[in-house]
Amino acid sequence: MTADNYNLTHIINGKPYDATGAKTREVLNPATRQPITTHPIATREVLDEAVAAARKAFPGWAATPWEERKKALLAWADSFEAMAEQLVNVLSTEQGKTLGGARHEVYGCPVWIREMAKYELKDTVLSEDDDQKTIQVYKPIGVCAGIVPWNFPILLMTWKIIPSLLTGNVIIIKPSPFTPIGDFLLVKDAQKFFPPGVLQIVLGDDNLGPWITSHPGIDKVSFTGSTATGKLVAKSCSDTLKRVTLELGGNDACVVTKDVDIPSVARQVIAAALTNSGQICVATKRIYVHEDIYDAFKNEVAAAIPEFKVNYGDDNEAFAGPLNNEPQFNRVKNILADIKQNGQKIICGGDVDPNAKGYHIPLTVVDNPPEESRIVQEEQFGPVMPLLKWKDEEDVIKRVNDTPYGLASTLFGRNLEEVERIGRRIEAGSVWINKVMPFSPHTPFGGHKNSGVGVENGLDGIKLYTYTQIIVLGKK
């Protein structure tokens, strides 16, 4: 493909922005490292124009009845669905997902819109007597910004747009420069359903994020990305007291008890750890297996790994594809080198093909590395999973919680009393027992500790896009 295929530009005030003469950046196909297209790099002045259009649009959109805002979102969901197959191919090409993974992401989004649109924040009478009536009201915050990552660019953009527009806010989307195409196509199509300035997209490089977080005309930022960057976002937003929602990194643990069905759970653990080539914030990154079954479980994982094929460009229905970009590719290669340099045993995988066209890392399993090793202590965000032994319940809980992160955790076991008891003591925003990443539009999702601030999805996620106002009405 060439740059002529997409004509990427900003969408400001309801229409494509003339970015003639702007600096541009290439978007690469991670399976081939070849250019797909280019996009313009926004200047501060471009962002200022988007913010001005958003501020102008906000009062009218905030005054639009909830039901009308809901109808606009539902109409967008229908259009979204009509262009889904195009988006599947775009997402697979720019992100590196297999077609199966891309379909799962894209087709889930219209469902998410329709389910979230079932909510409505209504005025609540908190108390009333002959003297006074106290009412709780939810009011939109204003101009929001959604900073979207490259691992699930379409889904996670949708997660930010839905609650923002439903509650009467307006929003400016900043996609990742690695994966801007699908987000651009969706925002461009959405202009048919929303007034100018309500939903905009600005394309840029690493400078754009800090300009957004420090901009005095933006009232809330929703950011999904690394913990290190999330801390910078929070610090920048604090200067203007912007509201923030931060969905950040994790070093998520999995605990496997000794009474599991080993063949079944081994395959579920592989899926939990290595789906999307491990590029999921809630991917299982440390697998603690009870020592009574450790060897049998390890052998089953090794036997099962060949069933999970990696897409090298000719098998789009494979389980995993390449990593998305060169910085992440180099980081995971560096972790693999550290594993080898420290004499840790690799059960399978581990050797990167120097002749591979794309950013491909083989599915890799490491045998009981030390607790202090990089592969255990860091979030690898790649297809490398360490298996570790445990025996004592108190000890495994301590090891699981001994991390600055607290995003999600997974447990497998037949004794439901045991796994629930362990799960309740894990310091994480989500604990999934005998389930692999059971996300739902109705379930709040967010992290503890360094894994985030606030939640997304469900009624709790919607409320974070509003101010609470209390009206006390004196009757006399």
Protein backbone atom coordinates (compact mmCIF):
# COMPACT_ATOMS: atom_id res chain seq x y z
CA MET A 1 0.00 0.00 0.00
CA THR A 2 1.05 3.61 -0.50
CA ALA A 3 0.21 6.94 1.05
CA ASP A 4 -2.45 7.43 -1.61
CA ASN A 5 -4.63 4.79 -0.01
CA TYR A 6 -5.76 6.77 3.01
CA ASN A 7 -5.20 10.56 2.88
CA LEU A 8 -4.90 10.74 6.64
CA THR A 9 -5.41 14.14 8.19
CA HIS A 10 -6.90 15.75 11.27
CA ILE A 11 -10.69 16.03 11.59
CA ILE A 12 -11.44 19.44 13.11
CA ASN A 13 -14.81 21.17 13.41
CA GLY A 14 -16.58 18.48 11.43
CA LYS A 15 -14.33 18.23 8.39
CA PRO A 16 -10.88 17.14 7.21
CA TYR A 17 -8.25 19.71 8.04
CA ASP A 18 -6.03 21.04 5.28
CA ALA A 19 -2.58 19.99 6.47
CA THR A 20 -0.80 20.88 3.24
CA GLY A 21 2.87 21.48 3.92
CA ALA A 22 2.83 19.84 7.36
CA LYS A 23 5.59 17.53 8.48
CA THR A 24 4.56 13.90 8.12
CA ARG A 25 5.30 10.56 9.70
CA GLU A 26 5.19 7.09 8.15
CA VAL A 27 2.89 4.35 9.41
CA LEU A 28 4.55 0.95 9.02
CA ASN A 29 3.11 -2.54 8.63
CA PRO A 30 4.70 -4.42 11.56
CA ALA A 31 4.61 -7.72 9.64
CA THR A 32 6.81 -6.33 6.88
CA ARG A 33 8.26 -3.07 8.25
CA GLN A 34 7.11 -1.43 5.01
CA PRO A 35 5.23 1.90 4.86
CA ILE A 36 1.44 1.78 4.63
CA THR A 37 0.77 5.50 4.54
CA THR A 38 1.78 8.79 6.16
CA HIS A 39 -0.01 11.17 8.48
CA PRO A 40 0.54 14.87 9.22
CA ILE A 41 2.17 15.90 12.48
CA ALA A 42 0.08 18.48 14.33
CA THR A 43 1.55 21.74 15.55
CA ARG A 44 0.40 23.57 18.68
CA GLU A 45 -1.69 25.80 16.44
CA VAL A 46 -3.55 22.81 15.02
CA LEU A 47 -4.37 21.62 18.54
CA ASP A 48 -5.50 25.12 19.47
CA GLU A 49 -7.94 25.09 16.54
CA ALA A 50 -9.35 21.74 17.64
CA VAL A 51 -9.78 22.96 21.22
CA ALA A 52 -11.46 26.16 20.04
CA ALA A 53 -13.91 24.14 17.93
CA ALA A 54 -14.58 21.82 20.85
CA ARG A 55 -15.25 24.68 23.26
CA LYS A 56 -17.64 26.21 20.77
CA ALA A 57 -19.49 22.90 20.32
CA PHE A 58 -19.70 21.99 24.00
CA PRO A 59 -22.64 24.15 25.19
CA GLY A 60 -24.96 22.95 22.43
CA TRP A 61 -24.03 19.30 22.84
CA ALA A 62 -24.33 19.49 26.64
CA ALA A 63 -27.82 20.97 26.22
CA THR A 64 -28.87 18.20 23.82
CA PRO A 65 -31.24 15.80 25.61
CA TRP A 66 -29.68 12.51 26.74
CA GLU A 67 -31.98 10.52 24.47
CA GLU A 68 -30.83 12.48 21.40
CA ARG A 69 -27.17 11.95 22.28
CA LYS A 70 -27.92 8.26 22.70
CA LYS A 71 -29.60 8.10 19.27
CA ALA A 72 -26.55 9.67 17.65
CA LEU A 73 -24.27 7.09 19.26
CA LEU A 74 -26.54 4.23 18.18
CA ALA A 75 -26.57 5.54 14.61
CA TRP A 76 -22.77 5.63 14.71
CA ALA A 77 -22.76 2.03 15.97
CA ASP A 78 -24.78 0.94 12.92
CA SER A 79 -22.40 2.73 10.56
CA PHE A 80 -19.42 1.33 12.48
CA GLU A 81 -20.76 -2.17 11.92
CA ALA A 82 -21.32 -1.53 8.21
CA MET A 83 -17.63 -0.69 7.72
CA ALA A 84 -16.36 -3.42 10.07
CA GLU A 85 -14.67 -5.64 7.47
CA GLN A 86 -12.73 -2.69 6.09
CA LEU A 87 -11.64 -1.85 9.63
CA VAL A 88 -10.62 -5.47 10.27
CA ASN A 89 -8.20 -5.38 7.35
CA VAL A 90 -6.89 -1.96 8.33
CA LEU A 91 -6.34 -3.02 11.94
CA SER A 92 -4.58 -6.23 10.95
CA THR A 93 -2.29 -4.28 8.63
CA GLU A 94 -1.37 -1.38 10.92
CA GLN A 95 -1.35 -3.16 14.29
CA GLY A 96 -0.13 -6.64 13.32
CA LYS A 97 -3.13 -8.56 14.65
CA THR A 98 -4.31 -11.68 12.91
CA LEU A 99 -7.62 -11.26 11.11
CA GLY A 100 -9.26 -13.27 13.89
CA GLY A 101 -7.89 -10.93 16.54
CA ALA A 102 -8.86 -7.89 14.51
CA ARG A 103 -12.42 -9.16 14.04
CA HIS A 104 -12.75 -9.76 17.76
CA GLU A 105 -11.74 -6.17 18.47
CA VAL A 106 -13.68 -4.45 15.70
CA TYR A 107 -16.98 -6.34 15.96
CA GLY A 108 -17.00 -5.94 19.72
CA CYS A 109 -17.09 -2.15 19.48
CA PRO A 110 -20.66 -1.65 18.14
CA VAL A 111 -21.84 -4.04 20.84
CA TRP A 112 -20.01 -1.93 23.42
CA ILE A 113 -21.66 1.25 22.13
CA ARG A 114 -25.15 -0.23 22.24
CA GLU A 115 -24.73 -1.71 25.70
CA MET A 116 -23.20 1.41 27.23
CA ALA A 117 -25.95 3.51 25.65
CA LYS A 118 -28.48 1.68 27.83
CA TYR A 119 -27.28 3.69 30.82
CA GLU A 120 -28.63 7.08 31.78
CA LEU A 121 -27.59 9.35 34.62
CA LYS A 122 -30.77 10.80 36.08
CA ASP A 123 -31.25 13.37 38.79
CA THR A 124 -31.48 11.71 42.19
CA VAL A 125 -33.50 13.04 45.11
CA LEU A 126 -31.26 12.43 48.12
CA SER A 127 -33.70 13.70 50.73
CA GLU A 128 -36.91 15.64 50.99
CA ASP A 129 -39.09 16.99 53.78
CA ASP A 130 -41.41 19.94 54.31
CA ASP A 131 -38.48 22.33 54.55
CA GLN A 132 -36.17 21.36 51.68
CA LYS A 133 -35.41 19.01 48.82
CA THR A 134 -31.83 17.89 48.04
CA ILE A 135 -31.10 16.75 44.47
CA GLN A 136 -27.95 15.19 43.01
CA VAL A 137 -27.31 16.21 39.39
CA TYR A 138 -24.64 14.97 36.95
CA LYS A 139 -23.17 17.61 34.66
CA PRO A 140 -20.68 17.14 31.81
CA ILE A 141 -17.12 18.25 32.48
CA GLY A 142 -16.45 19.99 29.16
CA VAL A 143 -13.73 19.33 26.59
CA CYS A 144 -12.21 15.88 26.99
CA ALA A 145 -9.18 14.34 25.32
CA GLY A 146 -8.64 10.64 24.70
CA ILE A 147 -5.03 9.49 24.33
CA VAL A 148 -5.24 6.06 22.72
CA PRO A 149 -2.59 3.29 22.70
CA TRP A 150 -1.44 1.11 19.83
CA ASN A 151 -2.29 -2.34 21.19
CA PHE A 152 -6.11 -2.09 20.92
CA PRO A 153 -6.49 1.24 19.12
CA ILE A 154 -10.09 0.90 17.92
CA LEU A 155 -11.59 -0.66 21.05
CA LEU A 156 -9.85 1.64 23.50
CA MET A 157 -10.73 4.73 21.48
CA THR A 158 -14.36 3.60 21.60
CA TRP A 159 -14.15 3.18 25.37
CA LYS A 160 -13.28 6.88 25.65
CA ILE A 161 -15.73 8.25 23.11
CA ILE A 162 -18.87 6.52 24.42
CA PRO A 163 -19.01 7.88 28.00
CA SER A 164 -17.73 11.28 26.94
CA LEU A 165 -20.40 11.92 24.29
CA LEU A 166 -23.17 10.15 26.15
CA THR A 167 -22.80 12.46 29.14
CA GLY A 168 -22.70 15.65 27.06
CA ASN A 169 -18.96 16.23 26.80
CA VAL A 170 -17.05 16.77 23.58
CA ILE A 171 -13.81 14.90 22.88
CA ILE A 172 -10.57 15.20 20.93
CA ILE A 173 -8.89 11.90 20.08
CA LYS A 174 -5.14 11.51 19.84
CA PRO A 175 -4.38 8.10 18.33
CA SER A 176 -1.01 6.42 18.59
CA PRO A 177 1.23 7.42 15.68
CA PHE A 178 1.83 3.69 15.19
CA THR A 179 -1.89 2.94 14.61
CA PRO A 180 -3.82 6.02 13.44
CA ILE A 181 -5.63 4.67 10.37
CA GLY A 182 -8.63 2.86 11.85
CA ASP A 183 -9.23 5.62 14.40
CA PHE A 184 -9.12 8.25 11.65
CA LEU A 185 -11.59 6.36 9.45
CA LEU A 186 -14.03 5.97 12.34
CA VAL A 187 -13.89 9.59 13.46
CA LYS A 188 -14.26 10.76 9.86
CA ASP A 189 -17.35 8.56 9.41
CA ALA A 190 -18.79 9.73 12.75
CA GLN A 191 -19.08 13.32 11.52
CA LYS A 192 -22.37 12.27 9.88
CA PHE A 193 -23.93 11.79 13.30
CA PHE A 194 -22.50 14.50 15.56
CA PRO A 195 -22.42 18.29 15.30
CA PRO A 196 -19.11 19.88 14.23
CA GLY A 197 -16.54 19.97 17.00
CA VAL A 198 -18.16 17.26 19.14
CA LEU A 199 -15.84 14.44 18.05
CA GLN A 200 -12.45 15.36 16.56
CA ILE A 201 -9.13 13.65 15.89
CA VAL A 202 -5.69 15.23 15.87
CA LEU A 203 -2.70 13.26 14.57
CA GLY A 204 0.76 13.88 15.90
CA ASP A 205 4.02 12.64 17.34
CA ASP A 206 5.41 12.47 20.88
CA ASN A 207 5.01 16.23 21.32
CA LEU A 208 1.23 16.17 20.98
CA GLY A 209 0.47 14.32 24.22
CA PRO A 210 2.20 16.88 26.49
CA TRP A 211 0.51 19.74 24.59
CA ILE A 212 -2.86 18.10 25.28
CA THR A 213 -2.25 17.44 28.96
CA SER A 214 -1.05 21.00 29.59
CA HIS A 215 -3.64 22.78 27.42
CA PRO A 216 -5.81 25.12 29.51
CA GLY A 217 -8.79 24.58 27.23
CA ILE A 218 -9.01 20.83 27.91
CA ASP A 219 -10.89 19.78 31.05
CA LYS A 220 -10.35 16.02 31.25
CA VAL A 221 -7.83 13.53 29.88
CA SER A 222 -8.41 9.80 29.55
CA PHE A 223 -5.09 8.07 28.94
CA THR A 224 -4.28 4.42 28.28
CA GLY A 225 -0.60 3.49 28.19
CA SER A 226 2.45 2.79 30.29
CA THR A 227 2.72 3.65 33.96
CA ALA A 228 5.79 5.81 33.35
CA THR A 229 3.94 7.94 30.80
CA GLY A 230 0.78 7.92 32.93
CA LYS A 231 2.68 9.56 35.77
CA LEU A 232 3.84 12.29 33.40
CA VAL A 233 0.24 12.75 32.23
CA ALA A 234 -0.98 13.09 35.80
CA LYS A 235 1.77 15.57 36.67
CA SER A 236 1.05 17.70 33.61
CA CYS A 237 -2.72 17.63 34.18
CA SER A 238 -2.27 18.73 37.79
CA ASP A 239 -1.15 22.20 36.71
CA THR A 240 -4.66 22.97 35.47
CA LEU A 241 -6.45 20.48 37.76
CA LYS A 242 -7.75 18.48 34.83
CA ARG A 243 -9.77 15.40 35.69
CA VAL A 244 -7.93 12.25 34.66
CA THR A 245 -8.68 8.60 34.01
CA LEU A 246 -5.50 6.56 33.76
CA GLU A 247 -5.47 2.94 32.61
CA LEU A 248 -1.84 1.95 32.99
CA GLY A 249 0.50 -1.02 32.98
CA GLY A 250 0.44 -4.21 34.96
CA ASN A 251 2.55 -7.18 35.93
CA ASP A 252 -0.42 -9.47 36.25
CA ALA A 253 -0.04 -12.78 38.02
CA CYS A 254 -1.82 -16.08 37.52
CA VAL A 255 -2.12 -18.69 40.27
CA VAL A 256 -2.74 -22.32 39.29
CA THR A 257 -3.73 -24.64 42.14
CA LYS A 258 -2.88 -28.34 42.25
CA ASP A 259 -6.37 -29.70 41.47
CA VAL A 260 -6.84 -28.30 37.96
CA ASP A 261 -7.45 -30.11 34.68
CA ILE A 262 -3.89 -29.65 33.43
CA PRO A 263 -4.43 -29.92 29.64
CA SER A 264 -7.34 -27.48 29.69
CA VAL A 265 -5.81 -24.93 32.05
CA ALA A 266 -2.41 -25.03 30.33
CA ARG A 267 -4.05 -23.87 27.11
CA GLN A 268 -6.10 -21.22 28.90
CA VAL A 269 -2.94 -19.88 30.52
CA ILE A 270 -1.19 -19.70 27.14
CA ALA A 271 -4.16 -17.72 25.80
CA ALA A 272 -4.17 -15.43 28.85
CA ALA A 273 -0.45 -14.73 28.53
CA LEU A 274 0.19 -14.63 24.80
CA THR A 275 -2.97 -13.39 23.03
CA ASN A 276 -2.10 -10.39 20.83
CA SER A 277 1.53 -11.50 21.24
CA GLY A 278 1.31 -10.57 24.92
CA GLN A 279 0.59 -6.92 24.06
CA ILE A 280 -2.29 -6.57 26.51
CA CYS A 281 -2.12 -4.62 29.74
CA VAL A 282 -3.94 -7.47 31.52
CA ALA A 283 -2.02 -10.31 29.88
CA THR A 284 -0.87 -12.88 32.43
CA LYS A 285 2.79 -12.06 32.91
CA ARG A 286 3.76 -14.30 35.85
CA ILE A 287 2.32 -17.82 36.16
CA TYR A 288 2.58 -19.42 39.61
CA VAL A 289 1.94 -23.17 39.39
CA HIS A 290 1.63 -25.39 42.45
CA GLU A 291 4.78 -27.47 42.82
CA ASP A 292 2.82 -30.76 42.99
CA ILE A 293 1.80 -30.33 39.34
CA TYR A 294 4.56 -28.00 38.11
CA ASP A 295 6.46 -30.50 35.97
CA ALA A 296 3.32 -31.96 34.42
CA PHE A 297 1.96 -28.48 33.75
CA LYS A 298 5.26 -27.29 32.25
CA ASN A 299 5.37 -30.30 29.94
CA GLU A 300 1.78 -29.71 28.85
CA VAL A 301 2.50 -26.06 28.07
CA ALA A 302 5.53 -27.06 26.01
CA ALA A 303 3.48 -29.63 24.12
CA ALA A 304 0.64 -27.17 23.52
CA ILE A 305 2.66 -24.15 22.32
CA PRO A 306 2.97 -25.48 18.72
CA GLU A 307 -0.85 -25.43 18.53
CA PHE A 308 -0.70 -21.63 18.85
CA LYS A 309 0.74 -20.60 15.51
CA VAL A 310 2.47 -17.27 14.92
CA ASN A 311 1.53 -15.33 11.80
CA TYR A 312 4.60 -14.66 9.66
CA GLY A 313 2.58 -13.01 6.92
CA ASP A 314 0.88 -15.96 5.24
CA ASP A 315 -1.56 -17.19 7.88
CA ASN A 316 -3.92 -14.50 9.09
CA GLU A 317 -5.93 -16.92 11.20
CA ALA A 318 -2.92 -17.78 13.36
CA PHE A 319 -3.00 -17.16 17.09
CA ALA A 320 -0.47 -14.31 17.26
CA GLY A 321 1.28 -11.86 14.97
CA PRO A 322 4.31 -9.60 15.20
CA LEU A 323 4.90 -6.99 17.85
CA ASN A 324 3.57 -3.64 16.76
CA ASN A 325 6.64 -1.44 16.64
CA GLU A 326 10.41 -1.35 16.75
CA PRO A 327 10.84 0.11 20.27
CA GLN A 328 8.72 -2.67 21.78
CA PHE A 329 10.41 -5.29 19.60
CA ASN A 330 13.83 -4.18 20.83
CA ARG A 331 12.66 -4.13 24.43
CA VAL A 332 11.43 -7.73 24.32
CA LYS A 333 14.60 -8.85 22.54
CA ASN A 334 16.57 -7.22 25.34
CA ILE A 335 14.58 -9.19 27.94
CA LEU A 336 15.26 -12.42 26.02
CA ALA A 337 18.97 -11.59 26.00
CA ASP A 338 18.85 -10.99 29.76
CA ILE A 339 17.21 -14.41 30.28
CA LYS A 340 20.00 -16.11 28.34
CA GLN A 341 22.82 -14.10 29.90
CA ASN A 342 21.64 -15.10 33.37
CA GLY A 343 21.42 -18.78 32.53
CA GLN A 344 17.67 -19.08 32.93
CA LYS A 345 16.18 -22.10 31.19
CA ILE A 346 13.98 -21.57 28.15
CA ILE A 347 11.46 -24.35 27.62
CA CYS A 348 10.50 -23.29 24.10
CA GLY A 349 11.02 -20.32 21.81
CA GLY A 350 13.56 -17.68 22.71
CA ASP A 351 15.42 -17.37 19.41
CA VAL A 352 14.46 -14.42 17.21
CA ASP A 353 14.81 -15.10 13.49
CA PRO A 354 17.17 -12.40 12.17
CA ASN A 355 15.75 -12.91 8.67
CA ALA A 356 12.11 -12.33 9.63
CA LYS A 357 10.59 -9.44 7.72
CA GLY A 358 8.52 -8.16 10.61
CA TYR A 359 8.79 -7.56 14.35
CA HIS A 360 8.33 -11.24 15.15
CA ILE A 361 9.14 -12.81 18.51
CA PRO A 362 8.51 -16.55 18.95
CA LEU A 363 6.15 -17.67 21.71
CA THR A 364 8.55 -18.26 24.58
CA VAL A 365 8.22 -20.04 27.92
CA VAL A 366 10.79 -19.69 30.71
CA ASP A 367 11.27 -22.39 33.36
CA ASN A 368 11.07 -21.15 36.97
CA PRO A 369 13.32 -18.07 36.76
CA PRO A 370 14.35 -16.32 40.00
CA GLU A 371 11.77 -14.02 41.54
CA GLU A 372 14.13 -11.06 41.19
CA SER A 373 14.77 -11.61 37.45
CA ARG A 374 13.64 -9.06 34.87
CA ILE A 375 11.14 -11.42 33.27
CA VAL A 376 9.36 -11.70 36.63
CA GLN A 377 9.73 -8.15 37.90
CA GLU A 378 8.99 -6.20 34.70
CA GLU A 379 5.99 -5.97 32.40
CA GLN A 380 7.34 -7.63 29.26
CA PHE A 381 4.39 -6.72 26.99
CA GLY A 382 5.46 -9.44 24.59
CA PRO A 383 5.06 -13.20 23.99
CA VAL A 384 7.38 -14.37 26.78
CA MET A 385 5.83 -16.12 29.79
CA PRO A 386 7.63 -17.33 32.93
CA LEU A 387 6.36 -20.37 34.84
CA LEU A 388 7.12 -20.28 38.59
CA LYS A 389 6.58 -22.75 41.43
CA TRP A 390 4.60 -22.22 44.61
CA LYS A 391 3.71 -24.39 47.58
CA ASP A 392 2.50 -22.27 50.49
CA GLU A 393 -0.63 -20.11 50.09
CA GLU A 394 0.69 -17.26 52.20
CA ASP A 395 3.93 -17.24 50.24
CA VAL A 396 2.27 -17.12 46.82
CA ILE A 397 -0.05 -14.31 47.88
CA LYS A 398 2.96 -12.34 49.11
CA ARG A 399 4.80 -12.93 45.82
CA VAL A 400 1.79 -12.02 43.70
CA ASN A 401 1.32 -8.75 45.61
CA ASP A 402 5.01 -7.86 45.74
CA THR A 403 4.80 -5.45 42.81
CA PRO A 404 4.03 -1.76 42.34
CA TYR A 405 1.30 -2.78 39.89
CA GLY A 406 -2.26 -3.92 40.59
CA LEU A 407 -4.22 -4.24 37.38
CA ALA A 408 -5.63 -7.77 37.11
CA SER A 409 -5.00 -11.32 38.25
CA THR A 410 -6.19 -14.74 37.14
CA LEU A 411 -6.68 -17.90 39.19
CA PHE A 412 -7.49 -21.47 38.20
CA GLY A 413 -8.70 -24.16 40.57
CA ARG A 414 -11.53 -26.61 41.19
CA ASN A 415 -11.82 -25.74 44.88
CA LEU A 416 -13.82 -22.54 44.53
CA GLU A 417 -13.51 -21.70 48.21
CA GLU A 418 -9.72 -21.84 47.92
CA VAL A 419 -9.36 -19.76 44.77
CA GLU A 420 -11.88 -17.16 45.94
CA ARG A 421 -10.07 -16.91 49.29
CA ILE A 422 -6.78 -16.31 47.49
CA GLY A 423 -8.40 -13.97 44.98
CA ARG A 424 -9.87 -11.70 47.64
CA ARG A 425 -6.39 -11.10 49.05
CA ILE A 426 -4.80 -10.14 45.75
CA GLU A 427 -4.17 -6.42 45.31
CA ALA A 428 -5.63 -5.89 41.84
CA GLY A 429 -8.55 -4.09 40.26
CA SER A 430 -9.87 -7.26 38.61
CA VAL A 431 -9.56 -10.86 39.77
CA TRP A 432 -10.71 -13.48 37.27
CA ILE A 433 -11.28 -17.01 38.53
CA ASN A 434 -11.45 -19.83 35.97
CA LYS A 435 -11.99 -17.20 33.26
CA VAL A 436 -9.67 -15.56 30.72
CA MET A 437 -10.14 -11.77 30.47
CA PRO A 438 -13.96 -11.70 30.79
CA PHE A 439 -14.44 -8.03 29.87
CA SER A 440 -17.95 -6.56 29.73
CA PRO A 441 -19.37 -3.10 28.93
CA HIS A 442 -21.18 -3.34 32.28
CA THR A 443 -18.13 -4.17 34.42
CA PRO A 444 -15.92 -1.35 35.68
CA PHE A 445 -12.28 -1.87 34.76
CA GLY A 446 -9.36 -0.13 36.43
CA GLY A 447 -6.19 -0.72 38.39
CA HIS A 448 -4.89 -0.42 41.93
CA LYS A 449 -1.53 1.03 42.96
CA ASN A 450 0.57 2.10 39.94
CA SER A 451 -1.83 0.54 37.47
CA GLY A 452 -4.18 3.45 37.19
CA VAL A 453 -6.62 6.04 38.47
CA GLY A 454 -10.36 5.65 37.99
CA VAL A 455 -12.22 3.06 35.95
CA GLU A 456 -13.63 2.61 32.48
CA ASN A 457 -16.94 0.97 31.51
CA GLY A 458 -20.12 0.42 33.45
CA LEU A 459 -22.02 3.12 35.29
CA ASP A 460 -18.95 3.96 37.39
CA GLY A 461 -16.95 4.67 34.24
CA ILE A 462 -19.67 6.93 32.85
CA LYS A 463 -19.86 8.96 36.07
CA LEU A 464 -16.17 9.84 35.79
CA TYR A 465 -17.05 12.02 32.80
CA THR A 466 -19.31 14.19 34.95
CA TYR A 467 -19.25 16.65 37.80
CA THR A 468 -21.60 16.01 40.67
CA GLN A 469 -23.76 19.00 41.51
CA ILE A 470 -25.93 19.17 44.63
CA ILE A 471 -29.02 21.37 44.50
CA VAL A 472 -30.66 22.19 47.82
CA LEU A 473 -34.12 23.62 47.24
CA GLY A 474 -35.56 25.47 50.20
CA LYS A 475 -39.34 25.32 50.13
CA LYS A 476 -40.10 28.20 52.46
